[in-house]
């Protein structure tokens, strides 16, 4: 559970999951593709064909409040797009 932080459930990735058998996860920033592949195979008991990753830099944000401008930054994170082989599927909604 240390490598995979949470699944990404959006319209775009849901469509890719149905059509291309591809799923997205937010993962630990220090994890490599081999570690991500092993974690997904262990957690969901599927066979992984390919792993693509993307690093995202946190955006700078500012808010205007009564006391003045509050500035900050969102967190950096890493996304992993996992393509499954064969007829394997991942059902994120089964635990709800």
N, C-alpha and C. Protein backbone atom coordinates (compact mmCIF):
# COMPACT_ATOMS: atom_id res chain seq x y z
N UNK A 1 0.83 -1.20 0.00
CA UNK A 1 0.00 0.00 0.00
C UNK A 1 0.87 1.25 0.00
N UNK A 2 2.18 1.10 0.13
CA UNK A 2 3.04 2.25 0.17
C UNK A 2 3.31 2.86 -1.19
N UNK A 3 3.27 2.06 -2.25
CA UNK A 3 3.59 2.58 -3.58
C UNK A 3 2.36 3.19 -4.23
N UNK A 4 1.24 2.49 -4.21
CA UNK A 4 0.01 3.02 -4.80
C UNK A 4 -0.72 3.84 -3.75
N UNK A 5 -0.95 5.12 -4.04
CA UNK A 5 -1.62 5.99 -3.09
C UNK A 5 -3.13 5.94 -3.28
N UNK A 6 -3.61 6.15 -4.53
CA UNK A 6 -5.04 6.07 -4.80
C UNK A 6 -5.26 5.91 -6.30
N UNK A 7 -6.39 5.32 -6.69
CA UNK A 7 -6.71 5.23 -8.11
C UNK A 7 -7.27 6.55 -8.61
N UNK A 8 -7.13 6.79 -9.91
CA UNK A 8 -7.69 7.98 -10.54
C UNK A 8 -8.97 7.55 -11.25
N UNK A 9 -10.09 8.10 -10.82
CA UNK A 9 -11.38 7.74 -11.42
C UNK A 9 -11.95 9.00 -12.06
N UNK A 10 -11.73 9.14 -13.37
CA UNK A 10 -12.27 10.25 -14.13
C UNK A 10 -13.00 9.69 -15.35
N UNK A 11 -13.71 10.56 -16.04
CA UNK A 11 -14.41 10.12 -17.25
C UNK A 11 -13.45 9.60 -18.30
N UNK A 12 -12.36 10.31 -18.48
CA UNK A 12 -11.39 9.95 -19.51
C UNK A 12 -10.75 8.59 -19.22
N UNK A 13 -10.33 8.36 -17.99
CA UNK A 13 -9.70 7.09 -17.65
C UNK A 13 -10.71 5.95 -17.56
N UNK A 14 -11.95 6.25 -17.24
CA UNK A 14 -12.97 5.21 -17.25
C UNK A 14 -13.21 4.73 -18.68
N UNK A 15 -13.23 5.67 -19.63
CA UNK A 15 -13.39 5.30 -21.04
C UNK A 15 -12.18 4.50 -21.53
N UNK A 16 -10.98 4.89 -21.11
CA UNK A 16 -9.78 4.15 -21.50
C UNK A 16 -9.76 2.76 -20.86
N UNK A 17 -10.30 2.65 -19.67
CA UNK A 17 -10.37 1.35 -19.01
C UNK A 17 -11.28 0.39 -19.75
N UNK A 18 -12.38 0.91 -20.28
CA UNK A 18 -13.30 0.07 -21.03
C UNK A 18 -12.76 -0.27 -22.42
N UNK A 19 -12.15 0.71 -23.06
CA UNK A 19 -11.72 0.53 -24.45
C UNK A 19 -10.32 -0.06 -24.58
N UNK A 20 -9.35 0.49 -23.83
CA UNK A 20 -7.94 0.11 -23.99
C UNK A 20 -7.40 -0.73 -22.84
N UNK A 21 -8.23 -1.01 -21.83
CA UNK A 21 -7.81 -1.78 -20.66
C UNK A 21 -6.68 -1.07 -19.92
N UNK A 22 -6.80 0.27 -19.77
CA UNK A 22 -5.77 1.11 -19.15
C UNK A 22 -6.38 1.80 -17.92
N UNK A 23 -5.62 1.82 -16.82
CA UNK A 23 -6.10 2.40 -15.57
C UNK A 23 -5.04 3.35 -15.02
N UNK A 24 -5.47 4.35 -14.23
CA UNK A 24 -4.55 5.34 -13.70
C UNK A 24 -4.50 5.31 -12.18
N UNK A 25 -3.32 5.60 -11.66
CA UNK A 25 -3.10 5.63 -10.21
C UNK A 25 -2.20 6.80 -9.86
N UNK A 26 -2.42 7.38 -8.69
CA UNK A 26 -1.45 8.30 -8.11
C UNK A 26 -0.52 7.43 -7.28
N UNK A 27 0.78 7.55 -7.55
CA UNK A 27 1.76 6.66 -6.91
C UNK A 27 2.81 7.48 -6.18
N UNK A 28 3.64 6.79 -5.41
CA UNK A 28 4.75 7.42 -4.69
C UNK A 28 5.72 8.02 -5.70
N UNK A 29 6.22 9.22 -5.41
CA UNK A 29 7.08 9.93 -6.36
C UNK A 29 8.42 9.24 -6.60
N UNK A 30 8.86 8.42 -5.66
CA UNK A 30 10.14 7.74 -5.80
C UNK A 30 10.03 6.34 -6.40
N UNK A 31 8.81 5.89 -6.69
CA UNK A 31 8.62 4.54 -7.23
C UNK A 31 8.96 4.50 -8.71
N UNK A 32 9.60 3.39 -9.14
CA UNK A 32 9.88 3.23 -10.55
C UNK A 32 8.84 2.31 -11.18
N UNK A 33 8.95 2.09 -12.49
CA UNK A 33 7.93 1.34 -13.22
C UNK A 33 7.86 -0.12 -12.77
N UNK A 34 8.99 -0.72 -12.45
CA UNK A 34 8.98 -2.10 -12.01
C UNK A 34 8.29 -2.27 -10.66
N UNK A 35 8.51 -1.32 -9.75
CA UNK A 35 7.86 -1.37 -8.45
C UNK A 35 6.35 -1.15 -8.59
N UNK A 36 5.95 -0.24 -9.48
CA UNK A 36 4.53 0.03 -9.71
C UNK A 36 3.86 -1.20 -10.30
N UNK A 37 4.51 -1.84 -11.25
CA UNK A 37 3.97 -3.06 -11.87
C UNK A 37 3.77 -4.15 -10.83
N UNK A 38 4.76 -4.37 -9.99
CA UNK A 38 4.66 -5.40 -8.95
C UNK A 38 3.55 -5.09 -7.95
N UNK A 39 3.41 -3.82 -7.58
CA UNK A 39 2.38 -3.43 -6.61
C UNK A 39 0.97 -3.63 -7.17
N UNK A 40 0.76 -3.26 -8.44
CA UNK A 40 -0.56 -3.43 -9.05
C UNK A 40 -0.89 -4.90 -9.21
N UNK A 41 0.09 -5.70 -9.65
CA UNK A 41 -0.15 -7.13 -9.81
C UNK A 41 -0.47 -7.80 -8.48
N UNK A 42 0.20 -7.36 -7.42
CA UNK A 42 -0.05 -7.95 -6.11
C UNK A 42 -1.40 -7.52 -5.53
N UNK A 43 -1.72 -6.23 -5.67
CA UNK A 43 -2.93 -5.70 -5.04
C UNK A 43 -4.20 -6.17 -5.74
N UNK A 44 -4.19 -6.19 -7.08
CA UNK A 44 -5.41 -6.50 -7.82
C UNK A 44 -5.38 -7.88 -8.48
N UNK A 45 -4.31 -8.63 -8.33
CA UNK A 45 -4.12 -9.96 -8.92
C UNK A 45 -4.46 -9.97 -10.41
N UNK A 46 -3.77 -9.12 -11.15
CA UNK A 46 -3.89 -9.02 -12.60
C UNK A 46 -2.49 -9.08 -13.20
N UNK A 47 -2.41 -9.23 -14.52
CA UNK A 47 -1.11 -9.19 -15.18
C UNK A 47 -0.98 -7.88 -15.94
N UNK A 48 0.12 -7.18 -15.70
CA UNK A 48 0.35 -5.85 -16.27
C UNK A 48 1.18 -5.98 -17.53
N UNK A 49 0.73 -5.31 -18.59
CA UNK A 49 1.45 -5.33 -19.86
C UNK A 49 2.45 -4.18 -19.96
N UNK A 50 2.03 -2.96 -19.56
CA UNK A 50 2.89 -1.78 -19.67
C UNK A 50 2.56 -0.79 -18.57
N UNK A 51 3.56 0.02 -18.20
CA UNK A 51 3.40 1.09 -17.21
C UNK A 51 4.00 2.36 -17.79
N UNK A 52 3.21 3.43 -17.83
CA UNK A 52 3.69 4.75 -18.23
C UNK A 52 3.53 5.68 -17.03
N UNK A 53 4.51 6.56 -16.81
CA UNK A 53 4.46 7.45 -15.66
C UNK A 53 4.58 8.90 -16.11
N UNK A 54 4.06 9.80 -15.25
CA UNK A 54 4.15 11.23 -15.51
C UNK A 54 4.30 11.94 -14.17
N UNK A 55 5.31 12.81 -14.07
CA UNK A 55 5.52 13.62 -12.86
C UNK A 55 4.82 14.96 -13.02
N UNK A 56 4.07 15.38 -12.00
CA UNK A 56 3.36 16.64 -12.02
C UNK A 56 3.93 17.57 -10.95
N UNK A 57 4.24 18.79 -11.35
CA UNK A 57 4.76 19.80 -10.45
C UNK A 57 3.57 20.53 -9.83
N UNK A 58 3.60 20.77 -8.52
CA UNK A 58 2.50 21.44 -7.84
C UNK A 58 2.34 22.88 -8.29
N UNK A 59 1.11 23.29 -8.55
CA UNK A 59 0.84 24.65 -9.02
C UNK A 59 0.87 25.64 -7.85
N UNK A 60 1.24 26.86 -8.15
CA UNK A 60 1.18 27.93 -7.15
C UNK A 60 -0.24 28.47 -7.11
N UNK A 61 -0.74 28.68 -5.90
CA UNK A 61 -2.11 29.17 -5.70
C UNK A 61 -2.08 30.38 -4.79
N UNK A 62 -3.05 31.28 -4.95
CA UNK A 62 -3.20 32.40 -4.03
C UNK A 62 -4.67 32.67 -3.82
N UNK A 63 -5.01 33.08 -2.60
CA UNK A 63 -6.39 33.41 -2.24
C UNK A 63 -6.41 34.80 -1.64
N UNK A 64 -7.48 35.49 -1.88
CA UNK A 64 -7.68 36.81 -1.29
C UNK A 64 -8.62 36.65 -0.11
N UNK A 65 -8.14 37.01 1.09
CA UNK A 65 -8.94 36.90 2.31
C UNK A 65 -9.03 38.26 2.98
N UNK A 66 -9.73 38.30 4.10
CA UNK A 66 -9.87 39.55 4.84
C UNK A 66 -8.52 40.06 5.34
N UNK A 67 -7.64 39.14 5.68
CA UNK A 67 -6.35 39.53 6.23
C UNK A 67 -5.30 39.78 5.15
N UNK A 68 -5.63 39.56 3.90
CA UNK A 68 -4.67 39.80 2.82
C UNK A 68 -4.56 38.60 1.90
N UNK A 69 -3.53 38.59 1.13
CA UNK A 69 -3.31 37.52 0.16
C UNK A 69 -2.58 36.36 0.83
N UNK A 70 -3.13 35.16 0.69
CA UNK A 70 -2.50 33.96 1.22
C UNK A 70 -1.95 33.19 0.02
N UNK A 71 -0.63 32.97 0.02
CA UNK A 71 -0.01 32.26 -1.09
C UNK A 71 0.44 30.88 -0.65
N UNK A 72 0.41 29.95 -1.59
CA UNK A 72 0.84 28.59 -1.28
C UNK A 72 1.08 27.81 -2.55
N UNK A 73 1.25 26.51 -2.38
CA UNK A 73 1.54 25.65 -3.50
C UNK A 73 0.88 24.30 -3.27
N UNK A 74 0.33 23.70 -4.33
CA UNK A 74 -0.21 22.35 -4.23
C UNK A 74 0.94 21.36 -4.23
N UNK A 75 0.67 20.14 -3.81
CA UNK A 75 1.71 19.12 -3.71
C UNK A 75 2.14 18.61 -5.08
N UNK A 76 3.40 18.19 -5.19
CA UNK A 76 3.87 17.47 -6.36
C UNK A 76 3.32 16.05 -6.28
N UNK A 77 3.08 15.42 -7.43
CA UNK A 77 2.65 14.03 -7.41
C UNK A 77 3.05 13.34 -8.71
N UNK A 78 2.92 12.03 -8.71
CA UNK A 78 3.28 11.22 -9.86
C UNK A 78 2.09 10.35 -10.22
N UNK A 79 1.78 10.30 -11.53
CA UNK A 79 0.71 9.45 -12.02
C UNK A 79 1.32 8.26 -12.76
N UNK A 80 0.65 7.13 -12.65
CA UNK A 80 1.05 5.94 -13.40
C UNK A 80 -0.15 5.45 -14.18
N UNK A 81 0.05 5.23 -15.48
CA UNK A 81 -0.98 4.68 -16.35
C UNK A 81 -0.59 3.24 -16.62
N UNK A 82 -1.44 2.31 -16.18
CA UNK A 82 -1.14 0.89 -16.23
C UNK A 82 -2.04 0.23 -17.26
N UNK A 83 -1.43 -0.47 -18.24
CA UNK A 83 -2.18 -1.21 -19.25
C UNK A 83 -2.14 -2.68 -18.87
N UNK A 84 -3.32 -3.29 -18.79
CA UNK A 84 -3.43 -4.70 -18.41
C UNK A 84 -3.47 -5.57 -19.65
N UNK A 85 -3.01 -6.78 -19.52
CA UNK A 85 -2.99 -7.70 -20.65
C UNK A 85 -4.19 -8.64 -20.58
N UNK A 86 -4.62 -9.09 -21.74
CA UNK A 86 -5.70 -10.08 -21.81
C UNK A 86 -7.04 -9.54 -21.39
N UNK A 87 -7.80 -10.38 -20.70
CA UNK A 87 -9.15 -10.02 -20.27
C UNK A 87 -9.19 -9.56 -18.82
N UNK A 88 -8.06 -9.16 -18.26
CA UNK A 88 -8.02 -8.69 -16.87
C UNK A 88 -8.73 -7.35 -16.75
N UNK A 89 -9.45 -7.17 -15.66
CA UNK A 89 -10.17 -5.93 -15.37
C UNK A 89 -9.95 -5.57 -13.91
N UNK A 90 -10.01 -4.28 -13.62
CA UNK A 90 -9.97 -3.79 -12.24
C UNK A 90 -11.28 -3.08 -11.98
N UNK A 91 -11.98 -3.48 -10.91
CA UNK A 91 -13.25 -2.87 -10.55
C UNK A 91 -13.04 -2.05 -9.29
N UNK A 92 -12.99 -0.72 -9.44
CA UNK A 92 -12.78 0.16 -8.29
C UNK A 92 -14.04 0.31 -7.45
N UNK A 93 -15.19 -0.01 -7.99
CA UNK A 93 -16.46 0.24 -7.31
C UNK A 93 -16.95 -0.97 -6.53
N UNK A 94 -16.24 -2.07 -6.50
CA UNK A 94 -16.72 -3.27 -5.82
C UNK A 94 -16.69 -3.14 -4.29
N UNK A 95 -15.85 -2.27 -3.75
CA UNK A 95 -15.71 -2.13 -2.30
C UNK A 95 -16.65 -1.08 -1.71
N UNK A 96 -17.40 -0.40 -2.54
CA UNK A 96 -18.25 0.69 -2.05
C UNK A 96 -19.51 0.14 -1.42
